[in-house]
Structure formats: C-alpha cells, structure tokens
Amino acid sequence: MNVKNKALVKALGDRIRDLRTQQELSQEDLANEADVPLSQIGRIERGENNPTISTLYVIAQALKIDLKVLVDIKLKK
C-alpha cells in the first residue's frame, strides 16, 4: 500500500468505528449482523485491511445506512 492508500484505509476504518460506536454496537455485533469475521472487522477498523466494495456494502447494511454514507470520508491533506 502506498502512503495515500494507507491514509484512505485508515480513514475508512475510523469512519466505520465511529458509525458503529454511535449505534452502541460492539465489533462482535457488527460482525454478526454483517456476516463478516470479527477479526476482519478489527483489521478494517485499525486500517490494516483494505475491504472490498462487497464487504463495505454488507457493513453498511448491518449499520442500516447507505453505502455512500459509509464511505463519506475526508482525507487530511
């Protein structure tokens, strides 16, 4: 991953964590709802995993939000 990609993946993970905690869901709750392994949710939120669009879609569904809301992130310049 290049530096820009690392920043993007980290920002996306932070966004998912923020949305999850706003709904008072644990990582385990989100993993169960999205049918995604708990370990993968942790790696995504820590910015260690670049999730596929399919994974992002099921996470958005589990959070009961549109995919566009999930990926509405701002990168620091």
N, C-alpha and C. Protein backbone atom coordinates (compact mmCIF):
# COMPACT_ATOMS: atom_id res chain seq x y z
N MET A 1 0.84 -1.18 0.00
CA MET A 1 0.00 0.00 0.00
C MET A 1 0.89 1.24 0.00
N ASN A 2 0.55 2.20 -0.85
CA ASN A 2 1.32 3.44 -0.81
C ASN A 2 0.78 4.34 0.31
N VAL A 3 1.44 5.45 0.54
CA VAL A 3 1.07 6.32 1.66
C VAL A 3 -0.36 6.83 1.54
N LYS A 4 -0.77 7.22 0.34
CA LYS A 4 -2.14 7.70 0.16
C LYS A 4 -3.15 6.60 0.47
N ASN A 5 -2.86 5.39 0.00
CA ASN A 5 -3.78 4.29 0.26
C ASN A 5 -3.86 3.99 1.74
N LYS A 6 -2.75 4.07 2.45
CA LYS A 6 -2.77 3.83 3.90
C LYS A 6 -3.66 4.85 4.59
N ALA A 7 -3.56 6.10 4.17
CA ALA A 7 -4.39 7.15 4.77
C ALA A 7 -5.87 6.90 4.48
N LEU A 8 -6.17 6.47 3.28
CA LEU A 8 -7.55 6.18 2.91
C LEU A 8 -8.10 5.01 3.71
N VAL A 9 -7.35 3.93 3.78
CA VAL A 9 -7.80 2.73 4.50
C VAL A 9 -7.97 3.05 5.99
N LYS A 10 -7.06 3.85 6.55
CA LYS A 10 -7.16 4.23 7.96
C LYS A 10 -8.39 5.11 8.18
N ALA A 11 -8.63 6.07 7.31
CA ALA A 11 -9.78 6.96 7.44
C ALA A 11 -11.09 6.17 7.32
N LEU A 12 -11.11 5.20 6.43
CA LEU A 12 -12.30 4.37 6.28
C LEU A 12 -12.55 3.55 7.54
N GLY A 13 -11.49 2.98 8.09
CA GLY A 13 -11.63 2.21 9.33
C GLY A 13 -12.13 3.07 10.48
N ASP A 14 -11.60 4.28 10.57
CA ASP A 14 -12.05 5.21 11.61
C ASP A 14 -13.53 5.55 11.42
N ARG A 15 -13.93 5.73 10.17
CA ARG A 15 -15.34 6.05 9.87
C ARG A 15 -16.26 4.91 10.31
N ILE A 16 -15.87 3.69 9.99
CA ILE A 16 -16.68 2.53 10.36
C ILE A 16 -16.77 2.44 11.89
N ARG A 17 -15.63 2.61 12.58
CA ARG A 17 -15.64 2.57 14.05
C ARG A 17 -16.57 3.65 14.61
N ASP A 18 -16.48 4.87 14.09
CA ASP A 18 -17.32 5.96 14.57
C ASP A 18 -18.80 5.65 14.39
N LEU A 19 -19.17 5.18 13.21
CA LEU A 19 -20.57 4.87 12.94
C LEU A 19 -21.05 3.71 13.82
N ARG A 20 -20.20 2.72 14.02
CA ARG A 20 -20.55 1.58 14.87
C ARG A 20 -20.76 2.02 16.31
N THR A 21 -19.84 2.82 16.84
CA THR A 21 -19.96 3.23 18.25
C THR A 21 -21.12 4.20 18.46
N GLN A 22 -21.44 5.00 17.45
CA GLN A 22 -22.62 5.88 17.55
C GLN A 22 -23.88 5.06 17.76
N GLN A 23 -23.91 3.87 17.19
CA GLN A 23 -25.07 2.99 17.32
C GLN A 23 -24.95 2.05 18.51
N GLU A 24 -23.89 2.26 19.31
CA GLU A 24 -23.64 1.46 20.50
C GLU A 24 -23.55 -0.03 20.19
N LEU A 25 -22.90 -0.35 19.07
CA LEU A 25 -22.68 -1.73 18.68
C LEU A 25 -21.23 -2.11 18.99
N SER A 26 -21.03 -3.34 19.41
CA SER A 26 -19.68 -3.85 19.57
C SER A 26 -19.18 -4.33 18.21
N GLN A 27 -17.89 -4.58 18.12
CA GLN A 27 -17.36 -5.17 16.89
C GLN A 27 -18.03 -6.52 16.64
N GLU A 28 -18.27 -7.25 17.70
CA GLU A 28 -18.92 -8.56 17.56
C GLU A 28 -20.34 -8.42 17.02
N ASP A 29 -21.08 -7.43 17.50
CA ASP A 29 -22.43 -7.18 17.00
C ASP A 29 -22.39 -6.89 15.50
N LEU A 30 -21.47 -6.01 15.10
CA LEU A 30 -21.36 -5.65 13.69
C LEU A 30 -20.95 -6.86 12.85
N ALA A 31 -20.01 -7.62 13.34
CA ALA A 31 -19.56 -8.81 12.62
C ALA A 31 -20.71 -9.78 12.41
N ASN A 32 -21.50 -9.99 13.44
CA ASN A 32 -22.64 -10.91 13.33
C ASN A 32 -23.69 -10.40 12.36
N GLU A 33 -24.01 -9.11 12.46
CA GLU A 33 -25.01 -8.52 11.57
C GLU A 33 -24.57 -8.54 10.11
N ALA A 34 -23.29 -8.28 9.87
CA ALA A 34 -22.77 -8.20 8.51
C ALA A 34 -22.32 -9.56 7.97
N ASP A 35 -22.27 -10.56 8.85
CA ASP A 35 -21.76 -11.88 8.48
C ASP A 35 -20.33 -11.78 7.94
N VAL A 36 -19.52 -11.03 8.69
CA VAL A 36 -18.11 -10.82 8.39
C VAL A 36 -17.35 -11.29 9.63
N PRO A 37 -16.24 -11.98 9.47
CA PRO A 37 -15.49 -12.43 10.65
C PRO A 37 -15.10 -11.28 11.57
N LEU A 38 -15.22 -11.51 12.86
CA LEU A 38 -14.88 -10.50 13.86
C LEU A 38 -13.46 -9.99 13.67
N SER A 39 -12.54 -10.89 13.39
CA SER A 39 -11.14 -10.48 13.21
C SER A 39 -11.00 -9.52 12.03
N GLN A 40 -11.81 -9.72 11.00
CA GLN A 40 -11.75 -8.83 9.83
C GLN A 40 -12.28 -7.44 10.18
N ILE A 41 -13.35 -7.37 10.96
CA ILE A 41 -13.87 -6.07 11.40
C ILE A 41 -12.78 -5.32 12.15
N GLY A 42 -12.08 -6.00 13.04
CA GLY A 42 -10.99 -5.37 13.79
C GLY A 42 -9.89 -4.86 12.88
N ARG A 43 -9.50 -5.66 11.90
CA ARG A 43 -8.43 -5.24 10.98
C ARG A 43 -8.88 -4.05 10.13
N ILE A 44 -10.13 -4.05 9.71
CA ILE A 44 -10.66 -2.93 8.92
C ILE A 44 -10.64 -1.65 9.76
N GLU A 45 -11.13 -1.74 10.99
CA GLU A 45 -11.19 -0.55 11.84
C GLU A 45 -9.81 -0.02 12.21
N ARG A 46 -8.82 -0.89 12.28
CA ARG A 46 -7.45 -0.45 12.58
C ARG A 46 -6.70 0.02 11.33
N GLY A 47 -7.33 -0.09 10.17
CA GLY A 47 -6.70 0.34 8.93
C GLY A 47 -5.68 -0.65 8.42
N GLU A 48 -5.79 -1.90 8.81
CA GLU A 48 -4.86 -2.94 8.40
C GLU A 48 -5.38 -3.74 7.21
N ASN A 49 -6.63 -3.56 6.87
CA ASN A 49 -7.27 -4.34 5.82
C ASN A 49 -8.01 -3.40 4.88
N ASN A 50 -7.80 -3.55 3.58
CA ASN A 50 -8.48 -2.75 2.58
C ASN A 50 -9.70 -3.56 2.12
N PRO A 51 -10.89 -3.26 2.67
CA PRO A 51 -12.06 -4.08 2.38
C PRO A 51 -12.56 -3.91 0.95
N THR A 52 -13.17 -4.98 0.45
CA THR A 52 -13.78 -4.93 -0.88
C THR A 52 -15.06 -4.10 -0.82
N ILE A 53 -15.53 -3.71 -1.97
CA ILE A 53 -16.79 -2.97 -2.03
C ILE A 53 -17.94 -3.84 -1.52
N SER A 54 -17.87 -5.14 -1.74
CA SER A 54 -18.90 -6.06 -1.24
C SER A 54 -18.92 -6.07 0.28
N THR A 55 -17.74 -6.09 0.88
CA THR A 55 -17.66 -6.07 2.34
C THR A 55 -18.18 -4.75 2.88
N LEU A 56 -17.82 -3.65 2.24
CA LEU A 56 -18.33 -2.35 2.68
C LEU A 56 -19.85 -2.30 2.57
N TYR A 57 -20.39 -2.90 1.53
CA TYR A 57 -21.84 -2.91 1.35
C TYR A 57 -22.54 -3.65 2.48
N VAL A 58 -22.04 -4.84 2.85
CA VAL A 58 -22.70 -5.59 3.92
C VAL A 58 -22.51 -4.90 5.28
N ILE A 59 -21.39 -4.21 5.46
CA ILE A 59 -21.20 -3.44 6.70
C ILE A 59 -22.21 -2.29 6.74
N ALA A 60 -22.38 -1.60 5.63
CA ALA A 60 -23.36 -0.51 5.57
C ALA A 60 -24.76 -1.03 5.85
N GLN A 61 -25.11 -2.16 5.27
CA GLN A 61 -26.42 -2.75 5.54
C GLN A 61 -26.58 -3.08 7.02
N ALA A 62 -25.54 -3.65 7.61
CA ALA A 62 -25.60 -4.00 9.03
C ALA A 62 -25.77 -2.76 9.91
N LEU A 63 -25.19 -1.63 9.47
CA LEU A 63 -25.32 -0.37 10.20
C LEU A 63 -26.61 0.37 9.84
N LYS A 64 -27.36 -0.19 8.88
CA LYS A 64 -28.62 0.39 8.43
C LYS A 64 -28.43 1.80 7.86
N ILE A 65 -27.37 1.93 7.05
CA ILE A 65 -27.08 3.19 6.38
C ILE A 65 -26.77 2.90 4.91
N ASP A 66 -26.84 3.93 4.09
CA ASP A 66 -26.46 3.79 2.69
C ASP A 66 -24.96 3.66 2.57
N LEU A 67 -24.51 2.95 1.57
CA LEU A 67 -23.08 2.78 1.32
C LEU A 67 -22.40 4.14 1.17
N LYS A 68 -23.07 5.08 0.50
CA LYS A 68 -22.46 6.40 0.29
C LYS A 68 -22.22 7.12 1.62
N VAL A 69 -23.03 6.87 2.62
CA VAL A 69 -22.81 7.47 3.94
C VAL A 69 -21.58 6.84 4.58
N LEU A 70 -21.42 5.54 4.42
CA LEU A 70 -20.28 4.85 4.99
C LEU A 70 -18.96 5.36 4.43
N VAL A 71 -18.92 5.59 3.14
CA VAL A 71 -17.66 5.98 2.51
C VAL A 71 -17.48 7.50 2.39
N ASP A 72 -18.32 8.26 3.05
CA ASP A 72 -18.21 9.72 3.04
C ASP A 72 -17.12 10.13 4.02
N ILE A 73 -15.87 10.06 3.56
CA ILE A 73 -14.72 10.36 4.42
C ILE A 73 -13.93 11.50 3.82
N LYS A 74 -13.24 12.19 4.68
CA LYS A 74 -12.36 13.29 4.25
C LYS A 74 -10.94 12.90 4.61
N LEU A 75 -10.06 12.98 3.63
CA LEU A 75 -8.64 12.70 3.89
C LEU A 75 -7.95 13.99 4.25
N LYS A 76 -7.06 13.91 5.21
CA LYS A 76 -6.24 15.07 5.57
C LYS A 76 -5.19 15.27 4.51
N LYS A 77 -4.99 16.51 4.10
CA LYS A 77 -4.01 16.80 3.04
C LYS A 77 -2.69 17.20 3.63
